[in-house]
Amino acid sequence: MDREPARRRAYALREVSRSLLMAYELGGHFPGLITCGLPLTQGEWVSLALYEGEEVVARATGIRTCGSVWACPVCAPVEADRRGEALARVVARRWARGWRVAHAVLTVRHTRGQGLEAVFRVLSQAWRRMTSHRAVRGFLQGWEWHRAVEITYGGNGWHPHLHLLLLAPPGVDPYLLEEPLWEAWREAVEAVGWAPSSRGGYAYQVPESQEDAVEVSRYNEKTWGLPQESSLGPRKEGKGGLGPFELLAVAAQGVEDEDLWATPELVDPIFEEELEGVGLDTPGLLRPRPRARVSPVVARTLWVEYVEATKGRKRTGMSRGLQAEVQQVLEEVEAEGKAAFQGLRLREVVQVRFCTYLWLLRARRLAYLLHWAEVLGSLAQACALAGLVPEEEWREVYRAQAPPEEGVA
């Protein structure tokens, strides 16, 4: 499987975010985001390893990860994939036992100029008020739910909203909550001193098949992922707002750092192609989509505002019964991932100097190197292709012996 386009985008955007947070002197407030991707220890060398099994995998070892589910272009999609897979499995199992699914979108009125923190706070207050109301607890009795926050930015400014996945018990009509849920949400928003969206802005859909129900459940955990082909939500082309990582891609055009954005001497044609409607001007750098309506300078301030407003907030939540089941399945998913990785065979290890590794990150060439290591089946060849000097900038420390040819003693 070719992971290069997604990995290249993720690594490049992580460097953009790191650069912007440092430029705004926010490194001390977001240490995880600032150090994500850096070595755990500042030694002289950093190890890169190549593994093989059903596929070839190249990765850096001993590297920090922040685990941010909101603002890290590298960690967030990984977390979303794990959680989305666990939720999807639970929904599939419940469907087989007769449960049915509904998907609702809840939002509040917002206008350009209102800060994300303010709109987000009202959204959270309205949700807490609605779910604590005795009448709401009554009509939700027996149901399970999963809530996820999605944030986009469009013509009317910041647009945080809730995606609510509802599981109706066997024999219960999933459309039963469509009107009561809207009335409860409208009253809750008004009670906290804000205006709810219009009735036309309220969405309530019921998937007709297990396949659609599972897809909706995956989407509920992936509402803000990196731009990629999908028929759902903010990932699709259209007139909708920009997701946070799309804003970051626009902001990349305004980062004034010659060392970071200088075009590498070696540019492979793979970096020149159009990928899913997103053009690449230089390796790892996203060109903003035509539907973007913000300038790079504005996008930079919007990204920083987004990072600050989401810090410490929960992105998802669920009912107690569903949470216990999802957590159990999540452990299964994680165990499967570990087993799959342990089944790989170590083929090669090279070490690059600490300063060289930092340059590979900042010059957006680490993803390039790892990609070609997987394609060529050799980290040594990939280091040479990236222009690194043997023994000075990198050295090979391990190479597995090739198995003997069949018939040769």
Protein backbone atom coordinates (compact mmCIF):
# COMPACT_ATOMS: atom_id res chain seq x y z
CA MET A 1 0.00 0.00 0.00
CA ASP A 2 1.33 3.42 -0.96
CA ARG A 3 1.08 5.64 2.14
CA GLU A 4 3.14 8.40 0.59
CA PRO A 5 0.54 11.10 -0.28
CA ALA A 6 -1.17 11.03 3.14
CA ARG A 7 2.12 10.75 5.05
CA ARG A 8 3.69 13.54 3.02
CA ARG A 9 0.75 15.85 3.68
CA ALA A 10 0.68 14.99 7.38
CA TYR A 11 4.41 15.49 7.94
CA ALA A 12 4.44 18.75 6.00
CA LEU A 13 1.47 20.19 7.86
CA ARG A 14 2.97 19.21 11.21
CA GLU A 15 6.02 21.34 10.36
CA VAL A 16 3.78 24.24 9.34
CA SER A 17 1.94 24.03 12.67
CA ARG A 18 5.21 23.80 14.62
CA SER A 19 6.57 26.84 12.80
CA LEU A 20 3.41 28.90 13.40
CA LEU A 21 3.14 28.06 17.10
CA MET A 22 6.78 28.98 17.61
CA ALA A 23 6.29 32.21 15.63
CA TYR A 24 3.42 33.15 17.94
CA GLU A 25 5.61 32.25 20.96
CA LEU A 26 3.21 29.51 22.05
CA GLY A 27 5.74 26.69 22.28
CA GLY A 28 5.53 26.60 26.07
CA HIS A 29 1.73 26.30 25.98
CA PHE A 30 1.71 23.37 23.56
CA PRO A 31 4.83 21.31 24.32
CA GLY A 32 3.37 18.13 22.80
CA LEU A 33 2.60 19.74 19.45
CA ILE A 34 5.98 21.47 19.39
CA THR A 35 8.01 18.29 20.07
CA CYS A 36 5.91 15.75 18.14
CA GLY A 37 8.14 13.92 15.65
CA LEU A 38 11.36 14.85 17.44
CA PRO A 39 13.67 12.22 19.01
CA LEU A 40 13.00 11.27 22.61
CA THR A 41 16.64 11.86 23.51
CA GLN A 42 19.13 14.27 22.00
CA GLY A 43 21.83 11.81 21.12
CA GLU A 44 24.20 11.94 18.20
CA TRP A 45 22.22 9.52 16.01
CA VAL A 46 18.57 8.76 15.20
CA SER A 47 17.59 5.30 13.98
CA LEU A 48 15.44 4.52 10.95
CA ALA A 49 14.18 0.96 10.55
CA LEU A 50 12.76 -1.00 7.63
CA TYR A 51 10.40 -3.91 8.25
CA GLU A 52 8.89 -6.40 5.83
CA GLY A 53 5.93 -8.76 5.88
CA GLU A 54 2.86 -8.56 3.69
CA GLU A 55 4.05 -5.02 3.04
CA VAL A 56 7.25 -3.05 3.59
CA VAL A 57 7.19 -0.44 6.36
CA ALA A 58 9.81 2.24 7.07
CA ARG A 59 9.72 4.33 10.23
CA ALA A 60 11.86 6.36 12.59
CA THR A 61 12.27 4.85 16.06
CA GLY A 62 12.55 6.52 19.45
CA ILE A 63 10.38 9.44 18.33
CA ARG A 64 8.00 11.57 20.40
CA THR A 65 4.28 11.52 19.60
CA CYS A 66 1.80 14.01 21.03
CA GLY A 67 -1.39 11.98 20.59
CA SER A 68 -3.43 15.14 19.98
CA VAL A 69 -6.89 14.32 18.64
CA TRP A 70 -7.48 17.93 17.63
CA ALA A 71 -4.43 19.62 16.23
CA CYS A 72 -1.75 17.15 15.13
CA PRO A 73 -1.90 16.24 11.43
CA VAL A 74 0.11 13.07 12.16
CA CYS A 75 -1.35 11.77 15.44
CA ALA A 76 -4.99 12.80 15.02
CA PRO A 77 -5.75 10.60 11.97
CA VAL A 78 -4.08 7.63 13.68
CA GLU A 79 -6.25 8.08 16.77
CA ALA A 80 -9.34 8.56 14.62
CA ASP A 81 -8.65 5.36 12.69
CA ARG A 82 -8.35 3.32 15.89
CA ARG A 83 -11.43 4.79 17.53
CA GLY A 84 -13.44 4.74 14.32
CA GLU A 85 -12.68 1.06 13.80
CA ALA A 86 -13.74 0.21 17.36
CA LEU A 87 -16.99 2.18 17.12
CA ALA A 88 -17.76 0.66 13.71
CA ARG A 89 -17.35 -2.87 15.06
CA VAL A 90 -19.65 -2.15 18.00
CA VAL A 91 -22.30 -0.69 15.70
CA ALA A 92 -22.05 -3.73 13.38
CA ARG A 93 -22.50 -6.10 16.33
CA ARG A 94 -25.46 -4.13 17.65
CA TRP A 95 -27.03 -4.02 14.18
CA ALA A 96 -26.81 -7.81 13.99
CA ARG A 97 -28.77 -7.95 17.27
CA GLY A 98 -31.55 -5.74 15.92
CA TRP A 99 -30.38 -2.26 16.93
CA ARG A 100 -30.84 0.57 14.40
CA VAL A 101 -28.94 3.82 13.91
CA ALA A 102 -29.81 7.49 13.48
CA HIS A 103 -27.41 10.37 12.83
CA ALA A 104 -28.20 13.95 13.86
CA VAL A 105 -26.31 17.24 13.47
CA LEU A 106 -26.82 19.94 16.12
CA THR A 107 -25.50 23.48 15.81
CA VAL A 108 -26.04 27.09 16.90
CA ARG A 109 -26.20 30.36 15.02
CA HIS A 110 -22.87 32.03 14.37
CA THR A 111 -21.55 34.97 12.40
CA ARG A 112 -18.18 36.06 11.07
CA GLY A 113 -16.23 37.82 13.77
CA GLN A 114 -17.41 35.63 16.66
CA GLY A 115 -14.46 33.85 18.24
CA LEU A 116 -14.27 30.08 18.19
CA GLU A 117 -13.89 29.94 21.96
CA ALA A 118 -17.22 31.74 22.49
CA VAL A 119 -19.22 29.65 20.00
CA PHE A 120 -17.62 26.42 21.23
CA ARG A 121 -18.45 27.30 24.84
CA VAL A 122 -22.12 27.88 24.01
CA LEU A 123 -22.28 24.62 22.08
CA SER A 124 -20.86 22.73 25.08
CA GLN A 125 -23.17 24.47 27.56
CA ALA A 126 -26.24 23.70 25.46
CA TRP A 127 -25.25 20.03 25.17
CA ARG A 128 -24.77 19.69 28.94
CA ARG A 129 -28.08 21.40 29.61
CA MET A 130 -29.96 19.23 27.13
CA THR A 131 -28.55 15.91 28.35
CA SER A 132 -29.13 16.80 32.02
CA HIS A 133 -32.79 17.64 31.45
CA ARG A 134 -35.16 15.07 32.99
CA ALA A 135 -37.38 14.88 29.92
CA VAL A 136 -34.41 14.24 27.63
CA ARG A 137 -33.05 11.54 29.92
CA GLY A 138 -36.48 9.98 29.77
CA PHE A 139 -36.82 9.76 26.01
CA LEU A 140 -33.20 8.60 25.68
CA GLN A 141 -33.74 5.76 28.13
CA GLY A 142 -32.69 2.49 26.51
CA TRP A 143 -30.90 4.26 23.66
CA GLU A 144 -27.11 4.56 23.27
CA TRP A 145 -25.36 7.60 21.83
CA HIS A 146 -21.97 8.81 20.63
CA ARG A 147 -21.22 12.53 20.28
CA ALA A 148 -18.39 14.10 18.28
CA VAL A 149 -17.49 17.75 17.71
CA GLU A 150 -16.64 18.96 14.22
CA ILE A 151 -15.22 22.42 13.53
CA THR A 152 -15.09 24.14 10.15
CA TYR A 153 -14.58 27.71 8.99
CA GLY A 154 -16.70 29.22 6.23
CA GLY A 155 -18.47 32.32 5.02
CA ASN A 156 -20.13 32.87 8.39
CA GLY A 157 -16.99 32.31 10.42
CA TRP A 158 -16.33 29.47 12.82
CA HIS A 159 -18.87 26.66 12.67
CA PRO A 160 -18.48 24.15 15.53
CA HIS A 161 -21.29 21.59 15.57
CA LEU A 162 -22.17 18.22 17.07
CA HIS A 163 -22.53 14.92 15.24
CA LEU A 164 -24.76 12.65 17.28
CA LEU A 165 -24.89 8.93 16.58
CA LEU A 166 -28.02 7.39 18.14
CA LEU A 167 -28.58 3.64 18.55
CA ALA A 168 -32.22 2.61 18.90
CA PRO A 169 -32.92 -0.65 20.78
CA PRO A 170 -34.47 -3.58 18.87
CA GLY A 171 -38.08 -2.92 17.95
CA VAL A 172 -37.84 0.86 18.46
CA ASP A 173 -38.38 3.18 15.49
CA PRO A 174 -35.15 5.23 15.04
CA TYR A 175 -37.23 8.15 13.72
CA LEU A 176 -38.92 8.39 17.11
CA LEU A 177 -36.43 10.99 18.38
CA GLU A 178 -36.32 13.27 15.34
CA GLU A 179 -38.72 15.96 16.58
CA PRO A 180 -38.20 15.58 20.37
CA LEU A 181 -34.43 15.91 19.90
CA TRP A 182 -34.82 19.11 17.89
CA GLU A 183 -37.20 20.65 20.42
CA ALA A 184 -34.92 19.71 23.32
CA TRP A 185 -31.87 21.18 21.54
CA ARG A 186 -33.68 24.41 20.60
CA GLU A 187 -34.81 24.94 24.18
CA ALA A 188 -31.34 24.16 25.56
CA VAL A 189 -29.61 26.65 23.25
CA GLU A 190 -32.12 29.38 24.07
CA ALA A 191 -31.76 28.63 27.78
CA VAL A 192 -28.04 29.44 27.68
CA GLY A 193 -28.75 32.76 25.97
CA TRP A 194 -27.96 31.90 22.36
CA ALA A 195 -29.94 31.27 19.20
CA PRO A 196 -30.12 27.75 17.74
CA SER A 197 -29.76 27.12 14.06
CA SER A 198 -32.85 27.30 11.89
CA ARG A 199 -34.97 24.16 11.62
CA GLY A 200 -33.50 23.72 8.13
CA GLY A 201 -30.03 23.52 9.65
CA TYR A 202 -31.00 20.53 11.78
CA ALA A 203 -30.19 17.20 10.14
CA TYR A 204 -31.58 13.81 11.15
CA GLN A 205 -30.90 10.77 8.99
CA VAL A 206 -31.50 7.05 9.40
CA PRO A 207 -29.17 4.66 7.49
CA GLU A 208 -31.10 1.88 5.79
CA SER A 209 -28.34 -0.75 5.69
CA GLN A 210 -25.67 -2.10 8.02
CA GLU A 211 -22.97 -0.92 5.61
CA ASP A 212 -24.28 2.67 5.75
CA ALA A 213 -24.64 2.52 9.54
CA VAL A 214 -21.04 1.37 9.92
CA GLU A 215 -19.83 4.11 7.57
CA VAL A 216 -21.69 6.75 9.58
CA SER A 217 -20.13 5.47 12.80
CA ARG A 218 -16.64 5.66 11.31
CA TYR A 219 -17.37 9.18 10.13
CA ASN A 220 -18.46 10.22 13.61
CA GLU A 221 -14.88 9.58 14.80
CA LYS A 222 -13.25 11.12 11.72
CA THR A 223 -15.10 14.38 11.21
CA TRP A 224 -11.96 16.50 10.92
CA GLY A 225 -9.37 14.30 9.24
CA LEU A 226 -6.83 15.22 6.60
CA PRO A 227 -8.43 16.01 3.23
CA GLN A 228 -8.95 12.82 1.29
CA GLU A 229 -11.48 11.26 -1.00
CA SER A 230 -14.80 10.57 0.72
CA SER A 231 -18.50 11.03 0.11
CA LEU A 232 -19.13 12.29 3.60
CA GLY A 233 -19.01 15.61 5.38
CA PRO A 234 -16.12 18.08 5.25
CA ARG A 235 -13.92 15.75 3.22
CA LYS A 236 -16.10 16.06 0.16
CA GLU A 237 -15.71 18.85 -2.39
CA GLY A 238 -18.38 21.51 -2.27
CA LYS A 239 -19.37 24.83 -0.78
CA GLY A 240 -18.88 23.73 2.83
CA GLY A 241 -16.36 25.30 5.16
CA LEU A 242 -12.71 24.41 5.46
CA GLY A 243 -11.68 21.83 8.02
CA PRO A 244 -8.86 22.71 10.44
CA PHE A 245 -6.13 20.92 8.49
CA GLU A 246 -7.34 22.52 5.27
CA LEU A 247 -6.97 25.89 7.01
CA LEU A 248 -3.46 24.86 7.98
CA ALA A 249 -2.74 24.01 4.34
CA VAL A 250 -3.81 27.53 3.34
CA ALA A 251 -1.69 28.96 6.16
CA ALA A 252 1.33 27.13 4.73
CA GLN A 253 1.36 29.59 1.84
CA GLY A 254 2.10 32.40 4.27
CA VAL A 255 4.96 30.86 6.21
CA GLU A 256 8.04 32.97 5.49
CA ASP A 257 10.91 30.65 6.24
CA GLU A 258 13.34 30.06 3.39
CA ASP A 259 14.96 27.10 5.10
CA LEU A 260 11.59 25.44 5.63
CA TRP A 261 10.07 26.13 2.25
CA ALA A 262 13.08 26.11 -0.07
CA THR A 263 12.56 23.62 -2.90
CA PRO A 264 14.90 20.63 -2.46
CA GLU A 265 17.51 20.08 -5.16
CA LEU A 266 16.10 16.65 -5.91
CA VAL A 267 12.41 16.69 -6.82
CA ASP A 268 10.87 13.49 -8.09
CA PRO A 269 7.99 13.64 -10.60
CA ILE A 270 5.74 11.97 -8.03
CA PHE A 271 5.63 15.29 -6.20
CA GLU A 272 4.41 17.16 -9.27
CA GLU A 273 1.21 15.21 -9.84
CA GLU A 274 -2.29 16.21 -8.83
CA LEU A 275 -3.57 14.13 -5.93
CA GLU A 276 -7.32 14.05 -5.27
CA GLY A 277 -7.73 17.65 -6.33
CA VAL A 278 -4.90 18.94 -4.16
CA GLY A 279 -1.85 20.15 -6.06
CA LEU A 280 1.66 20.00 -4.66
CA ASP A 281 3.93 22.94 -5.44
CA THR A 282 6.90 21.42 -3.62
CA PRO A 283 7.38 18.13 -1.80
CA GLY A 284 4.91 17.97 1.05
CA LEU A 285 3.42 21.44 0.56
CA LEU A 286 -0.32 21.77 -0.05
CA ARG A 287 -1.74 24.33 -2.45
CA PRO A 288 -5.06 25.66 -1.09
CA ARG A 289 -8.20 24.39 -2.77
CA PRO A 290 -10.11 26.81 -5.00
CA ARG A 291 -13.01 26.93 -2.52
CA ALA A 292 -10.79 28.51 0.17
CA ARG A 293 -11.98 32.02 0.96
CA VAL A 294 -9.31 33.09 3.42
CA SER A 295 -5.87 34.50 2.80
CA PRO A 296 -2.75 32.73 4.07
CA VAL A 297 -2.18 35.48 6.64
CA VAL A 298 -5.71 35.12 8.02
CA ALA A 299 -5.44 31.33 7.94
CA ARG A 300 -2.35 31.53 10.15
CA THR A 301 -4.22 33.41 12.89
CA LEU A 302 -7.25 31.11 12.51
CA TRP A 303 -5.09 28.02 12.98
CA VAL A 304 -3.56 29.41 16.17
CA GLU A 305 -7.03 30.37 17.42
CA TYR A 306 -8.23 26.83 16.71
CA VAL A 307 -5.34 25.24 18.61
CA GLU A 308 -5.92 27.50 21.61
CA ALA A 309 -9.70 27.02 21.65
CA THR A 310 -9.58 23.22 21.53
CA LYS A 311 -6.85 22.72 24.13
CA GLY A 312 -8.07 20.57 27.00
CA ARG A 313 -11.49 19.91 25.47
CA LYS A 314 -12.98 16.50 24.77
CA ARG A 315 -13.73 15.86 21.13
CA THR A 316 -16.00 12.86 21.67
CA GLY A 317 -18.24 11.41 24.34
CA MET A 318 -20.73 8.57 24.62
CA SER A 319 -23.30 6.92 26.85
CA ARG A 320 -21.96 4.69 29.61
CA GLY A 321 -23.13 1.42 28.12
CA LEU A 322 -21.66 2.21 24.73
CA GLN A 323 -18.43 3.51 26.27
CA ALA A 324 -17.75 0.24 28.09
CA GLU A 325 -18.31 -1.78 24.93
CA VAL A 326 -16.25 0.53 22.70
CA GLN A 327 -13.36 0.50 25.19
CA GLN A 328 -13.30 -3.29 25.16
CA VAL A 329 -13.29 -3.43 21.38
CA LEU A 330 -10.67 -0.67 21.22
CA GLU A 331 -8.35 -2.89 23.23
CA GLU A 332 -8.95 -5.64 20.66
CA VAL A 333 -8.09 -3.26 17.81
CA GLU A 334 -4.88 -2.15 19.55
CA ALA A 335 -3.88 -5.77 20.23
CA GLU A 336 -4.41 -6.64 16.56
CA GLY A 337 -2.25 -3.71 15.53
CA LYS A 338 0.56 -4.76 17.85
CA ALA A 339 0.35 -8.36 16.66
CA ALA A 340 0.49 -7.26 13.02
CA PHE A 341 3.59 -5.16 13.68
CA GLN A 342 5.29 -7.92 15.66
CA GLY A 343 4.70 -10.19 12.67
CA LEU A 344 6.97 -8.00 10.52
CA ARG A 345 10.62 -8.95 10.05
CA LEU A 346 13.34 -6.35 10.63
CA ARG A 347 15.21 -5.98 7.36
CA GLU A 348 17.48 -2.97 7.84
CA VAL A 349 18.47 -0.22 10.29
CA VAL A 350 20.33 2.95 9.42
CA GLN A 351 21.22 5.86 11.65
CA VAL A 352 21.20 9.49 10.62
CA ARG A 353 22.84 12.24 12.61
CA PHE A 354 20.57 14.17 14.94
CA CYS A 355 21.04 17.41 13.03
CA THR A 356 20.42 15.60 9.72
CA TYR A 357 17.16 14.17 11.04
CA LEU A 358 16.02 17.67 12.06
CA TRP A 359 16.87 18.91 8.58
CA LEU A 360 14.88 16.08 7.01
CA LEU A 361 11.87 17.15 9.08
CA ARG A 362 12.15 20.86 8.35
CA ALA A 363 12.89 20.38 4.66
CA ARG A 364 9.89 18.03 4.32
CA ARG A 365 12.14 15.21 3.13
CA LEU A 366 11.64 12.63 5.87
CA ALA A 367 8.41 11.37 4.29
CA TYR A 368 10.21 11.38 0.93
CA LEU A 369 13.03 9.22 2.34
CA LEU A 370 10.70 6.76 4.08
CA HIS A 371 8.56 6.42 0.96
CA TRP A 372 11.49 5.52 -1.28
CA ALA A 373 12.86 3.14 1.33
CA GLU A 374 9.57 1.24 1.09
CA VAL A 375 9.52 1.39 -2.71
CA LEU A 376 13.17 0.33 -3.14
CA GLY A 377 13.23 -2.00 -0.15
CA SER A 378 16.38 -0.29 1.11
CA LEU A 379 16.99 2.56 3.55
CA ALA A 380 20.57 2.84 2.32
CA GLN A 381 19.42 3.50 -1.24
CA ALA A 382 16.80 5.96 0.01
CA CYS A 383 19.44 7.88 1.98
CA ALA A 384 21.57 8.09 -1.14
CA LEU A 385 18.57 9.25 -3.18
CA ALA A 386 17.90 11.97 -0.60
CA GLY A 387 21.47 13.22 -1.07
CA LEU A 388 22.81 12.29 2.36
CA VAL A 389 26.56 11.76 2.70
CA PRO A 390 27.55 8.22 3.84
CA GLU A 391 29.30 7.99 7.24
CA GLU A 392 29.08 11.75 7.70
CA GLU A 393 25.28 12.10 7.71
CA TRP A 394 24.15 8.48 7.85
CA ARG A 395 25.46 4.99 8.44
CA GLU A 396 24.08 1.49 8.09
CA VAL A 397 24.09 -0.49 11.34
CA TYR A 398 22.07 -3.59 10.47
CA ARG A 399 21.00 -5.53 7.41
CA ALA A 400 19.23 -8.87 7.59
CA GLN A 401 20.84 -11.70 5.63
CA ALA A 402 18.86 -12.71 2.60
CA PRO A 403 17.35 -16.21 2.86
CA PRO A 404 19.23 -18.82 0.79
CA GLU A 405 17.89 -19.40 -2.70
CA GLU A 406 15.75 -22.46 -3.13
CA GLY A 407 17.86 -25.49 -4.01
CA VAL A 408 21.11 -23.92 -2.78
CA ALA A 409 22.74 -25.71 0.17
